[in-house]
Amino acid sequence: MKKPELPPNGKIETRSDQKIVLDLLKDSKQLELLSQIEKDYPYWDKFKQKTKSFGTPTSLLWKLMKLQRERNINRIKISTIPGFDFKYNTSSKILERLHQFDLNLGGSIEGSNIIPDKEKDRYLISSLMEEAIASSQLEGAVTTREVAKNMLRNKRKPKNLSEKMILNNYLTIRGIIKYKKEPLTPDIIKNLHALITKGTLDDDNFEGRFRISNKVKVVDDITGEVFHTPPEHEHLDKLIIDLCNFANSKNDSGFIHPIIRGIMLHFLIGYIHPFVDGNGRIARTIFYWYLIAQGYWLIEFMSISKIIVKSPAQYARAYLYSEYDENDLTYFIDFNLKSMDLALKSLKEYIARKLSEKKQLFKLIRHENFNERQAEIIKDLLSNNEQYISINEVQNKYGIVYQTARTDLLKLEEMEYLESKIIGKKLLFFRSKTFEDKIRKLNFT
């Protein structure tokens, strides 16, 4: 990824600049064009491209834009350590998204109807798997969703570093629920880090431990160019305490919308970079913890990292834009809100698709004495004739106990849809030799 160009000085410091900016403020046509551009809150690189045909030096137009932004800016001081004064704007687009999330994620109006009650456990498990996989992929895990989900559903031991990262992430995300009524503390952050990095670091001594040197930097993997230099390690204890105080604040110094505060926590973990590795995974975990703790229960069913992993460069640039433009967090807030919006839409589409598939299953149920789980197992096997199924996989996929999963599969074997084999120490189930004939008799497509 190419390092973003630093913006020019946004302050109006000379009389010449002051005169030009004052003249621009009188030009209603130019102001209207700038207003349209500002709706997307562009960073300097995009801003100069969009304004290069204006006939006025882009650096002066930038000064005017910065002047406009400062009129509605919100300022936050996270710590007395230098470099921890931040600011952000709440544009109309940001406010609109926050309003929609308030309606949906807390379940006050629409959220409670998005997921059928009987399906919640199943959808939750699927979503947590997706989030664990995508969040790990963002940090370099190399595997496919299918292989990773198979590992998690079958409770198979991870075979490599990537699978360890995914398993750790999955267990950590599932475990954060127990902290949702507790204030955030440095020990909780360390405990989560120990869980999320178990067996994946070059030195196990750094699991759940803050870095003890200043060698850690955020660099381009190919060129080695430094993108971000974190604060010195001597400041970490104070910075993490200050971060926890910010997370636990009751808006004593001014209201900050909970979703925006959660996104800020996400940013701050990455900015502080307290660990030698795993900072991104911890940042996204803390974000989930915070929103769940604030009552946004539907966030558990949304995989935001699955959206982010499709545009990792934009994710990285959102971090850098905020840092490089005077710690203006609006860029990072805007990117994350867009990702949340896409994740919510994806969840709704996924559930609608599953409900449609469920209606198709009723046709199979009418012809045979199946329950819905058994019908769905048959449906899955129709689309993948080489698939095998284990008892653990059915148990984890549907959120049922081991014995119920075993009974479901043995019943399908008794009905001659499946046959089983013991491979290694596991009992696995496959399509039977008569599977296709039985399906044809059902006239099920």
Protein backbone atom coordinates (compact mmCIF):
# COMPACT_ATOMS: atom_id res chain seq x y z
CA MET A 1 0.00 0.00 0.00
CA LYS A 2 1.29 3.45 -0.88
CA LYS A 3 1.80 5.74 2.09
CA PRO A 4 -0.75 8.60 2.03
CA GLU A 5 0.61 12.06 1.27
CA LEU A 6 0.62 14.34 4.29
CA PRO A 7 -1.87 17.22 3.98
CA PRO A 8 -0.56 20.78 3.69
CA ASN A 9 -0.79 23.13 6.64
CA GLY A 10 -4.49 23.85 7.13
CA LYS A 11 -3.98 27.03 9.13
CA ILE A 12 -4.43 30.50 7.59
CA GLU A 13 -1.21 32.23 8.62
CA THR A 14 -0.52 34.98 6.07
CA ARG A 15 -2.48 38.07 5.08
CA SER A 16 -2.39 36.92 1.47
CA ASP A 17 -3.99 33.58 2.34
CA GLN A 18 -6.50 35.36 4.54
CA LYS A 19 -7.59 37.66 1.71
CA ILE A 20 -8.00 34.77 -0.78
CA VAL A 21 -10.01 32.70 1.72
CA LEU A 22 -12.25 35.69 2.51
CA ASP A 23 -12.88 36.18 -1.22
CA LEU A 24 -13.73 32.47 -1.53
CA LEU A 25 -16.24 32.80 1.28
CA LYS A 26 -18.06 35.37 -0.86
CA ASP A 27 -18.13 33.08 -3.90
CA SER A 28 -21.42 31.18 -3.43
CA LYS A 29 -20.84 28.95 -6.47
CA GLN A 30 -17.44 27.73 -5.25
CA LEU A 31 -18.81 27.28 -1.73
CA GLU A 32 -21.63 25.11 -3.04
CA LEU A 33 -19.19 22.93 -5.00
CA LEU A 34 -16.98 22.59 -1.92
CA SER A 35 -20.01 21.75 0.18
CA GLN A 36 -20.88 18.87 -2.15
CA ILE A 37 -17.33 17.53 -1.95
CA GLU A 38 -17.26 17.89 1.83
CA LYS A 39 -20.24 15.56 2.25
CA ASP A 40 -17.83 12.64 1.77
CA TYR A 41 -15.27 14.18 4.17
CA PRO A 42 -12.37 13.53 1.77
CA TYR A 43 -8.75 13.25 2.86
CA TRP A 44 -6.20 15.52 1.19
CA ASP A 45 -5.33 13.11 -1.66
CA LYS A 46 -8.96 12.83 -2.80
CA PHE A 47 -9.72 16.46 -2.02
CA LYS A 48 -7.03 17.81 -4.31
CA GLN A 49 -8.17 15.54 -7.15
CA LYS A 50 -11.75 16.73 -6.83
CA THR A 51 -10.81 20.42 -6.67
CA LYS A 52 -7.94 20.65 -9.18
CA SER A 53 -10.24 22.21 -11.82
CA PHE A 54 -11.52 24.97 -9.53
CA GLY A 55 -9.01 27.58 -10.69
CA THR A 56 -7.82 28.23 -7.11
CA PRO A 57 -4.73 26.57 -5.58
CA THR A 58 -5.88 23.34 -3.91
CA SER A 59 -3.82 24.15 -0.80
CA LEU A 60 -5.88 27.31 -0.27
CA LEU A 61 -9.13 25.46 -0.87
CA TRP A 62 -7.93 22.96 1.73
CA LYS A 63 -7.40 25.80 4.23
CA LEU A 64 -10.96 26.95 3.59
CA MET A 65 -12.28 23.40 4.03
CA LYS A 66 -10.35 22.98 7.27
CA LEU A 67 -11.78 26.28 8.48
CA GLN A 68 -15.29 24.98 7.79
CA ARG A 69 -14.58 21.71 9.56
CA GLU A 70 -13.27 23.46 12.66
CA ARG A 71 -16.62 25.20 13.14
CA ASN A 72 -18.31 21.95 14.25
CA ILE A 73 -15.36 19.98 15.56
CA ASN A 74 -15.53 17.91 18.77
CA ARG A 75 -12.29 17.65 20.75
CA ILE A 76 -11.20 14.87 23.07
CA LYS A 77 -8.11 14.60 25.25
CA ILE A 78 -7.43 10.94 25.99
CA SER A 79 -4.22 11.39 27.96
CA THR A 80 -1.71 13.97 29.11
CA ILE A 81 0.90 12.03 27.14
CA PRO A 82 1.76 14.13 24.02
CA GLY A 83 -0.03 13.05 20.85
CA PHE A 84 -3.32 12.07 22.48
CA ASP A 85 -5.46 15.07 21.64
CA PHE A 86 -8.08 13.97 19.09
CA LYS A 87 -11.04 15.50 17.28
CA TYR A 88 -13.95 14.40 15.12
CA ASN A 89 -16.92 15.74 13.19
CA THR A 90 -20.43 14.30 13.05
CA SER A 91 -21.64 14.85 9.50
CA SER A 92 -25.25 14.36 8.46
CA LYS A 93 -24.30 10.96 6.98
CA ILE A 94 -22.71 9.87 10.24
CA LEU A 95 -25.74 10.98 12.24
CA GLU A 96 -28.09 9.15 9.86
CA ARG A 97 -26.13 5.90 10.18
CA LEU A 98 -26.01 6.19 13.97
CA HIS A 99 -29.77 6.67 14.04
CA GLN A 100 -30.34 3.54 11.95
CA PHE A 101 -28.00 1.52 14.15
CA ASP A 102 -29.81 2.71 17.27
CA LEU A 103 -33.07 1.42 15.76
CA ASN A 104 -31.62 -1.93 14.68
CA LEU A 105 -28.70 -3.04 16.80
CA GLY A 106 -30.41 -2.66 20.15
CA GLY A 107 -33.61 -4.34 19.02
CA SER A 108 -35.88 -1.52 20.18
CA ILE A 109 -37.82 -1.38 16.91
CA GLU A 110 -36.64 -3.73 14.22
CA GLY A 111 -33.76 -5.68 15.70
CA SER A 112 -35.85 -8.12 17.72
CA ASN A 113 -37.57 -9.26 14.54
CA ILE A 114 -34.46 -9.61 12.38
CA ILE A 115 -33.48 -13.01 13.78
CA PRO A 116 -36.10 -15.68 14.58
CA ASP A 117 -35.80 -16.65 18.25
CA LYS A 118 -35.43 -20.34 17.45
CA GLU A 119 -32.50 -19.62 15.13
CA LYS A 120 -30.50 -17.24 17.33
CA ASP A 121 -28.00 -19.76 18.69
CA ARG A 122 -27.28 -21.08 15.23
CA TYR A 123 -26.87 -17.67 13.62
CA LEU A 124 -24.68 -16.51 16.51
CA ILE A 125 -22.30 -19.44 16.11
CA SER A 126 -22.06 -18.88 12.35
CA SER A 127 -21.43 -15.15 12.79
CA LEU A 128 -18.74 -15.64 15.44
CA MET A 129 -16.98 -18.09 13.15
CA GLU A 130 -17.09 -15.61 10.28
CA GLU A 131 -15.73 -12.82 12.49
CA ALA A 132 -12.95 -14.99 13.90
CA ILE A 133 -11.85 -16.07 10.43
CA ALA A 134 -11.97 -12.62 8.81
CA SER A 135 -10.31 -10.83 11.75
CA SER A 136 -7.47 -13.36 11.66
CA GLN A 137 -7.15 -13.02 7.87
CA LEU A 138 -6.69 -9.28 8.34
CA GLU A 139 -3.66 -10.11 10.50
CA GLY A 140 -2.15 -12.54 7.99
CA ALA A 141 -3.93 -15.87 8.56
CA VAL A 142 -3.94 -17.81 5.29
CA THR A 143 -6.74 -20.33 4.85
CA THR A 144 -10.19 -20.61 3.30
CA ARG A 145 -13.44 -20.01 5.13
CA GLU A 146 -14.55 -23.56 4.35
CA VAL A 147 -11.46 -25.18 5.88
CA ALA A 148 -11.57 -22.88 8.91
CA LYS A 149 -15.28 -23.45 9.54
CA ASN A 150 -14.77 -27.19 9.21
CA MET A 151 -12.05 -27.01 11.88
CA LEU A 152 -14.27 -25.03 14.27
CA ARG A 153 -17.40 -27.12 13.74
CA ASN A 154 -15.60 -30.41 14.15
CA LYS A 155 -13.48 -29.15 17.06
CA ARG A 156 -10.45 -30.30 15.12
CA LYS A 157 -7.05 -29.30 16.48
CA PRO A 158 -5.46 -26.52 14.42
CA LYS A 159 -2.81 -27.77 12.02
CA ASN A 160 -0.86 -24.54 11.50
CA LEU A 161 -0.34 -21.00 12.73
CA SER A 162 -3.26 -19.59 10.71
CA GLU A 163 -5.70 -22.10 12.17
CA LYS A 164 -4.39 -21.39 15.69
CA MET A 165 -5.05 -17.69 15.16
CA ILE A 166 -8.62 -18.40 14.03
CA LEU A 167 -9.38 -20.80 16.89
CA ASN A 168 -7.97 -18.35 19.44
CA ASN A 169 -10.00 -15.52 17.94
CA TYR A 170 -13.18 -17.61 18.02
CA LEU A 171 -12.72 -18.61 21.66
CA THR A 172 -11.87 -15.03 22.64
CA ILE A 173 -14.91 -13.50 20.93
CA ARG A 174 -17.13 -16.09 22.59
CA GLY A 175 -15.47 -15.34 25.92
CA ILE A 176 -15.90 -11.56 25.94
CA ILE A 177 -19.56 -11.92 26.90
CA LYS A 178 -18.56 -12.62 30.49
CA TYR A 179 -16.98 -9.18 30.71
CA LYS A 180 -19.94 -7.22 29.36
CA LYS A 181 -21.08 -5.99 32.78
CA GLU A 182 -17.57 -5.20 33.99
CA PRO A 183 -15.62 -1.97 33.54
CA LEU A 184 -12.67 -2.28 31.17
CA THR A 185 -9.34 -2.74 32.95
CA PRO A 186 -5.73 -3.28 31.85
CA ASP A 187 -5.96 -6.84 33.22
CA ILE A 188 -8.99 -7.62 31.04
CA ILE A 189 -7.14 -6.33 27.97
CA LYS A 190 -4.10 -8.46 28.89
CA ASN A 191 -6.27 -11.54 29.52
CA LEU A 192 -7.97 -11.15 26.14
CA HIS A 193 -4.60 -10.77 24.46
CA ALA A 194 -3.30 -13.92 26.14
CA LEU A 195 -6.32 -15.83 24.81
CA ILE A 196 -6.11 -14.40 21.32
CA THR A 197 -2.36 -15.00 20.86
CA LYS A 198 -1.95 -18.33 22.70
CA GLY A 199 0.68 -20.39 20.89
CA THR A 200 1.02 -17.94 17.96
CA LEU A 201 3.81 -15.57 19.05
CA ASP A 202 7.53 -16.11 18.46
CA ASP A 203 8.00 -15.70 22.20
CA ASP A 204 5.24 -17.04 24.47
CA ASN A 205 6.40 -14.66 27.21
CA PHE A 206 4.66 -11.82 25.36
CA GLU A 207 1.21 -13.42 25.56
CA GLY A 208 -0.90 -11.01 27.61
CA ARG A 209 2.06 -8.73 28.24
CA PHE A 210 2.71 -5.20 27.00
CA ARG A 211 5.74 -4.70 24.76
CA ILE A 212 8.94 -3.76 26.58
CA SER A 213 10.76 -2.02 23.74
CA ASN A 214 10.22 0.63 21.08
CA LYS A 215 11.20 -1.65 18.19
CA VAL A 216 7.56 -2.36 17.26
CA LYS A 217 6.44 -0.22 14.31
CA VAL A 218 3.71 -0.47 11.67
CA VAL A 219 5.52 -0.97 8.36
CA ASP A 220 4.86 -1.92 4.76
CA ASP A 221 5.49 -5.66 4.51
CA ILE A 222 7.16 -5.28 1.10
CA THR A 223 9.11 -2.01 1.25
CA GLY A 224 9.67 -1.77 5.00
CA GLU A 225 8.48 1.84 4.93
CA VAL A 226 7.30 2.98 8.38
CA PHE A 227 3.63 4.01 8.43
CA HIS A 228 3.17 4.49 12.18
CA THR A 229 5.50 4.72 15.15
CA PRO A 230 3.61 3.85 18.36
CA PRO A 231 4.18 5.68 21.67
CA GLU A 232 7.24 4.71 23.68
CA HIS A 233 6.78 1.59 25.79
CA GLU A 234 7.51 3.53 28.99
CA HIS A 235 4.13 5.26 28.56
CA LEU A 236 2.05 2.12 27.99
CA ASP A 237 0.82 1.55 31.55
CA LYS A 238 -0.50 5.10 31.82
CA LEU A 239 -1.94 5.10 28.29
CA ILE A 240 -3.88 1.88 28.84
CA ILE A 241 -5.25 3.18 32.15
CA ASP A 242 -6.29 6.38 30.35
CA LEU A 243 -7.90 4.30 27.58
CA CYS A 244 -9.84 2.28 30.17
CA ASN A 245 -10.98 5.48 31.87
CA PHE A 246 -12.21 6.73 28.49
CA ALA A 247 -14.07 3.44 27.88
CA ASN A 248 -15.69 3.52 31.33
CA SER A 249 -16.56 7.24 31.22
CA LYS A 250 -20.20 8.19 31.79
CA ASN A 251 -20.05 11.21 29.46
CA ASP A 252 -19.13 13.48 32.37
CA SER A 253 -17.25 15.81 30.04
CA GLY A 254 -19.76 15.70 27.17
CA PHE A 255 -21.86 13.11 25.36
CA ILE A 256 -20.15 10.80 22.88
CA HIS A 257 -22.42 8.39 21.04
CA PRO A 258 -21.62 4.81 22.25
CA ILE A 259 -20.91 3.53 18.74
CA ILE A 260 -18.50 6.41 18.11
CA ARG A 261 -16.82 5.76 21.47
CA GLY A 262 -16.50 2.07 20.56
CA ILE A 263 -14.89 2.97 17.21
CA MET A 264 -12.51 5.32 19.03
CA LEU A 265 -11.46 2.47 21.33
CA HIS A 266 -10.84 0.36 18.22
CA PHE A 267 -8.61 3.13 16.83
CA LEU A 268 -6.78 3.79 20.10
CA ILE A 269 -5.68 0.18 20.60
CA GLY A 270 -4.18 0.21 17.11
CA TYR A 271 -2.66 3.67 17.67
CA ILE A 272 -1.11 2.78 21.05
CA HIS A 273 -0.04 -0.66 19.76
CA PRO A 274 0.57 -2.00 23.28
CA PHE A 275 1.55 -5.55 22.25
CA VAL A 276 4.26 -7.01 20.03
CA ASP A 277 1.56 -8.65 17.90
CA GLY A 278 -2.21 -9.18 17.86
CA ASN A 279 -3.07 -5.50 18.25
CA GLY A 280 -5.59 -5.49 15.39
CA ARG A 281 -7.43 -8.54 16.71
CA ILE A 282 -7.55 -7.06 20.22
CA ALA A 283 -8.77 -3.71 18.86
CA ARG A 284 -11.70 -5.33 17.05
CA THR A 285 -12.46 -7.54 20.08
CA ILE A 286 -12.59 -4.50 22.40
CA PHE A 287 -14.91 -2.80 19.90
CA TYR A 288 -17.30 -5.78 20.02
CA TRP A 289 -17.09 -5.93 23.80
CA TYR A 290 -17.93 -2.27 24.16
CA LEU A 291 -21.00 -2.28 21.90
CA ILE A 292 -22.35 -5.47 23.49
CA ALA A 293 -21.81 -3.90 26.93
CA GLN A 294 -23.78 -0.85 25.75
CA GLY A 295 -26.79 -2.96 24.80
CA TYR A 296 -26.21 -3.32 21.04
CA TRP A 297 -26.86 -7.06 21.17
CA LEU A 298 -27.27 -7.54 17.42
CA ILE A 299 -23.57 -6.71 16.90
CA GLU A 300 -22.85 -10.29 18.03
CA PHE A 301 -24.55 -11.55 14.87
CA MET A 302 -22.66 -9.23 12.51
CA SER A 303 -19.21 -9.94 11.11
CA ILE A 304 -17.71 -6.51 10.50
CA SER A 305 -14.26 -7.95 9.83
CA LYS A 306 -15.78 -9.97 6.96
CA ILE A 307 -16.59 -6.62 5.33
CA ILE A 308 -13.24 -5.03 6.23
CA VAL A 309 -11.21 -7.96 4.88
CA LYS A 310 -12.60 -7.18 1.42
CA SER A 311 -10.92 -3.75 1.55
CA PRO A 312 -7.91 -4.01 3.89
CA ALA A 313 -6.08 -1.12 2.21
CA GLN A 314 -9.03 1.21 2.87
CA TYR A 315 -9.04 0.05 6.49
CA ALA A 316 -5.32 0.82 6.85
CA ARG A 317 -5.71 4.19 5.12
CA ALA A 318 -8.58 5.14 7.47
CA TYR A 319 -6.13 4.71 10.36
CA LEU A 320 -3.43 6.73 8.63
CA TYR A 321 -5.75 9.49 7.37
CA SER A 322 -6.86 10.10 10.95
CA GLU A 323 -3.31 10.19 12.29
CA TYR A 324 -1.81 12.24 9.45
CA ASP A 325 -4.56 14.89 9.46
CA GLU A 326 -4.08 16.24 12.97
CA ASN A 327 -5.61 13.19 14.73
CA ASP A 328 -8.98 13.77 13.05
CA LEU A 329 -10.83 10.54 13.82
CA THR A 330 -13.69 11.34 11.42
CA TYR A 331 -12.01 9.31 8.66
CA PHE A 332 -11.79 6.19 10.83
CA ILE A 333 -15.29 6.68 12.24
CA ASP A 334 -16.75 7.07 8.75
CA PHE A 335 -15.02 3.95 7.41
CA ASN A 336 -16.20 1.81 10.33
CA LEU A 337 -19.78 3.06 10.15
CA LYS A 338 -19.86 2.21 6.44
CA SER A 339 -18.52 -1.27 7.25
CA MET A 340 -21.13 -1.72 9.99
CA ASP A 341 -23.86 -0.66 7.57
CA LEU A 342 -22.70 -3.24 5.01
CA ALA A 343 -22.42 -5.90 7.73
CA LEU A 344 -26.00 -5.23 8.87
CA LYS A 345 -27.29 -5.43 5.29
CA SER A 346 -25.32 -8.64 4.80
CA LEU A 347 -26.87 -10.13 7.95
CA LYS A 348 -30.39 -9.27 6.79
CA GLU A 349 -29.73 -10.76 3.33
CA TYR A 350 -28.22 -13.90 4.88
CA ILE A 351 -31.21 -14.43 7.16
CA ALA A 352 -33.67 -13.79 4.32
CA ARG A 353 -31.82 -16.37 2.21
CA LYS A 354 -31.86 -18.91 5.03
CA LEU A 355 -35.55 -18.39 5.66
CA SER A 356 -36.20 -18.96 1.94
CA GLU A 357 -34.16 -22.15 2.04
CA LYS A 358 -36.09 -23.22 5.11
CA LYS A 359 -39.34 -23.02 3.17
CA GLN A 360 -37.83 -25.37 0.56
CA LEU A 361 -36.97 -27.83 3.30
CA PHE A 362 -40.63 -28.20 4.22
CA LYS A 363 -41.15 -30.05 0.94
CA LEU A 364 -38.65 -32.68 2.02
CA ILE A 365 -40.09 -32.85 5.53
CA ARG A 366 -43.57 -33.52 4.14
CA HIS A 367 -42.31 -36.58 2.27
CA GLU A 368 -40.17 -38.07 5.03
CA ASN A 369 -40.23 -38.14 8.78
CA PHE A 370 -37.42 -35.60 9.16
CA ASN A 371 -36.94 -32.78 11.59
CA GLU A 372 -35.68 -29.47 10.22
CA ARG A 373 -32.04 -30.16 11.08
CA GLN A 374 -32.09 -33.50 9.29
CA ALA A 375 -33.73 -31.91 6.26
CA GLU A 376 -31.02 -29.26 6.13
CA ILE A 377 -28.29 -31.90 6.39
CA ILE A 378 -29.80 -33.60 3.34
CA LYS A 379 -30.01 -30.25 1.55
CA ASP A 380 -26.31 -29.58 2.23
CA LEU A 381 -25.36 -33.00 0.91
CA LEU A 382 -27.29 -32.34 -2.29
CA SER A 383 -24.92 -29.50 -3.17
CA ASN A 384 -21.73 -31.29 -2.12
CA ASN A 385 -21.51 -34.98 -2.86
CA GLU A 386 -18.02 -35.32 -1.32
CA GLN A 387 -18.97 -33.75 2.00
CA TYR A 388 -18.65 -35.71 5.21
CA ILE A 389 -20.36 -34.80 8.45
CA SER A 390 -19.32 -35.44 12.04
CA ILE A 391 -21.43 -35.43 15.17
CA ASN A 392 -19.42 -32.48 16.53
CA GLU A 393 -20.08 -30.49 13.35
CA VAL A 394 -23.85 -30.93 13.63
CA GLN A 395 -23.68 -30.15 17.36
CA ASN A 396 -21.78 -26.88 16.80
CA LYS A 397 -23.66 -25.81 13.69
CA TYR A 398 -27.11 -26.08 15.26
CA GLY A 399 -26.21 -25.32 18.87
CA ILE A 400 -27.52 -28.65 20.19
CA VAL A 401 -26.13 -31.23 22.62
CA TYR A 402 -23.93 -34.08 21.42
CA GLN A 403 -26.56 -36.77 21.93
CA THR A 404 -29.19 -34.91 19.86
CA ALA A 405 -26.71 -34.45 17.00
CA ARG A 406 -25.78 -38.13 17.17
CA THR A 407 -29.44 -39.18 17.11
CA ASP A 408 -30.13 -36.98 14.07
CA LEU A 409 -27.34 -38.58 12.06
CA LEU A 410 -28.02 -42.17 13.13
CA LYS A 411 -31.67 -41.73 12.14
CA LEU A 412 -30.63 -40.58 8.66
CA GLU A 413 -28.35 -43.61 8.43
CA GLU A 414 -31.21 -45.87 9.49
CA MET A 415 -33.33 -44.31 6.72
CA GLU A 416 -30.47 -45.11 4.28
CA TYR A 417 -29.68 -41.50 3.36
CA LEU A 418 -26.30 -41.75 5.08
CA GLU A 419 -23.70 -44.34 5.83
CA SER A 420 -20.95 -44.04 8.42
CA LYS A 421 -17.30 -44.94 8.74
CA ILE A 422 -14.81 -44.65 11.54
CA ILE A 423 -11.81 -42.70 10.28
CA GLY A 424 -9.06 -42.32 12.83
CA LYS A 425 -11.05 -42.12 16.03
CA LYS A 426 -14.01 -40.24 14.60
CA LEU A 427 -17.35 -41.48 13.38
CA LEU A 428 -18.05 -39.71 10.08
CA PHE A 429 -21.18 -39.78 7.93
CA PHE A 430 -21.36 -39.66 4.10
CA ARG A 431 -23.99 -39.85 1.40
CA SER A 432 -25.15 -43.45 1.07
CA LYS A 433 -24.99 -45.41 -2.19
CA THR A 434 -28.78 -45.12 -2.42
CA PHE A 435 -28.84 -41.37 -1.64
CA GLU A 436 -29.52 -40.14 -5.18
CA ASP A 437 -32.22 -42.75 -5.83
CA LYS A 438 -34.05 -41.81 -2.65
CA ILE A 439 -33.88 -38.10 -3.53
CA ARG A 440 -35.22 -38.76 -7.03
CA LYS A 441 -38.19 -40.61 -5.54
CA LEU A 442 -38.91 -37.57 -3.41
CA ASN A 443 -38.78 -35.38 -6.52
CA PHE A 444 -36.86 -32.84 -4.42
CA THR A 445 -34.82 -30.16 -6.17
